[in-house]
């Protein structure tokens, strides 16, 4: 991962810039996680030039309710000199909320 990697998150959080911001994002997500049994299955990968796109299925269990979810997600990374320099991700948040009853 490039030291200046940009994780394009959008929304109120905006982009995460740099490895430390990337690490802190994952630490926050795992520390207070309301989910367990989380898994990801890559359904398809397409590479074009310096960009790789993954279509995958995310699954997990909401710890408090015991309800499970299974949603389609996609991410895209751009690589330069063998290091990730940019990342974008999309998840079907509406389907996840519906399945969890939120």
Protein backbone atom coordinates (compact mmCIF):
# COMPACT_ATOMS: atom_id res chain seq x y z
CA UNK A 1 0.00 0.00 0.00
CA UNK A 2 1.38 3.37 -0.99
CA UNK A 3 2.09 5.70 1.97
CA UNK A 4 -0.18 8.32 0.33
CA UNK A 5 -3.04 5.91 -0.52
CA UNK A 6 -6.48 7.51 -0.88
CA UNK A 7 -9.53 5.55 0.24
CA UNK A 8 -12.45 7.33 -1.46
CA UNK A 9 -15.26 6.95 1.06
CA UNK A 10 -17.53 9.87 0.28
CA UNK A 11 -20.41 10.67 2.61
CA UNK A 12 -19.85 12.67 5.76
CA UNK A 13 -16.49 11.01 6.45
CA UNK A 14 -14.93 12.06 3.16
CA UNK A 15 -11.77 10.44 1.85
CA UNK A 16 -9.22 8.71 4.08
CA UNK A 17 -5.72 9.76 3.08
CA UNK A 18 -2.57 7.83 3.91
CA UNK A 19 -1.82 4.44 5.47
CA UNK A 20 -2.51 5.65 9.01
CA UNK A 21 -6.02 6.80 8.05
CA UNK A 22 -6.62 3.45 6.32
CA UNK A 23 -5.43 1.55 9.40
CA UNK A 24 -7.54 3.68 11.75
CA UNK A 25 -10.64 3.04 9.60
CA UNK A 26 -10.20 -0.75 9.96
CA UNK A 27 -9.43 -0.48 13.67
CA UNK A 28 -12.65 1.53 14.25
CA UNK A 29 -14.67 -0.94 12.21
CA UNK A 30 -13.37 -3.99 14.04
CA UNK A 31 -13.25 -2.54 17.57
CA UNK A 32 -16.90 -1.61 17.86
CA UNK A 33 -18.22 -4.05 15.33
CA UNK A 34 -21.86 -4.96 15.63
CA UNK A 35 -21.26 -7.95 13.34
CA UNK A 36 -19.59 -11.34 13.55
CA UNK A 37 -19.10 -14.30 11.20
CA UNK A 38 -18.25 -11.77 8.48
CA UNK A 39 -16.98 -13.22 5.22
CA UNK A 40 -16.40 -12.11 1.65
CA UNK A 41 -16.55 -14.25 -1.49
CA UNK A 42 -15.07 -12.73 -4.64
CA UNK A 43 -17.45 -13.52 -7.48
CA UNK A 44 -15.54 -11.79 -10.28
CA UNK A 45 -12.33 -9.84 -10.81
CA UNK A 46 -11.60 -7.68 -13.85
CA UNK A 47 -8.23 -6.04 -14.45
CA UNK A 48 -7.63 -3.26 -16.95
CA UNK A 49 -4.29 -1.49 -16.99
CA UNK A 50 -3.53 -0.23 -13.48
CA UNK A 51 -7.05 -0.88 -12.15
CA UNK A 52 -8.62 -3.99 -10.60
CA UNK A 53 -12.36 -4.32 -9.93
CA UNK A 54 -13.89 -6.98 -7.67
CA UNK A 55 -17.55 -7.96 -7.44
CA UNK A 56 -18.11 -9.86 -4.22
CA UNK A 57 -20.72 -11.10 -1.80
CA UNK A 58 -20.47 -9.96 1.83
CA UNK A 59 -22.11 -12.03 4.56
CA UNK A 60 -22.35 -11.72 8.29
CA UNK A 61 -24.47 -11.77 11.42
CA UNK A 62 -25.72 -8.77 13.39
CA UNK A 63 -24.56 -9.60 16.90
CA UNK A 64 -27.47 -8.06 18.86
CA UNK A 65 -30.35 -9.42 16.75
CA UNK A 66 -28.79 -12.59 15.36
CA UNK A 67 -30.05 -11.62 11.90
CA UNK A 68 -27.87 -12.50 8.92
CA UNK A 69 -27.20 -10.45 5.82
CA UNK A 70 -25.85 -11.30 2.37
CA UNK A 71 -25.28 -8.40 -0.02
CA UNK A 72 -23.52 -7.62 -3.25
CA UNK A 73 -20.54 -5.28 -3.05
CA UNK A 74 -17.90 -3.96 -5.41
CA UNK A 75 -14.54 -2.37 -4.99
CA UNK A 76 -11.92 -0.95 -7.29
CA UNK A 77 -8.24 -0.34 -6.66
CA UNK A 78 -5.68 1.51 -8.69
CA UNK A 79 -2.10 0.26 -8.45
CA UNK A 80 1.15 2.07 -9.21
CA UNK A 81 4.56 0.43 -8.89
CA UNK A 82 2.99 -2.59 -7.20
CA UNK A 83 1.23 -0.55 -4.49
CA UNK A 84 -2.40 0.42 -4.01
CA UNK A 85 -2.71 4.17 -4.53
CA UNK A 86 -6.51 4.54 -4.65
CA UNK A 87 -9.53 2.54 -3.47
CA UNK A 88 -13.28 2.87 -4.04
CA UNK A 89 -16.00 0.65 -2.56
CA UNK A 90 -19.76 0.24 -2.93
CA UNK A 91 -22.09 -1.95 -0.88
CA UNK A 92 -25.82 -2.48 -1.29
CA UNK A 93 -26.58 -0.74 2.02
CA UNK A 94 -30.36 -0.70 1.36
CA UNK A 95 -30.46 -4.49 0.98
CA UNK A 96 -28.33 -4.88 4.13
CA UNK A 97 -30.67 -2.63 6.17
CA UNK A 98 -33.74 -4.49 4.85
CA UNK A 99 -32.30 -7.91 5.70
CA UNK A 100 -31.34 -6.75 9.19
CA UNK A 101 -34.66 -5.00 9.80
CA UNK A 102 -32.98 -1.67 10.53
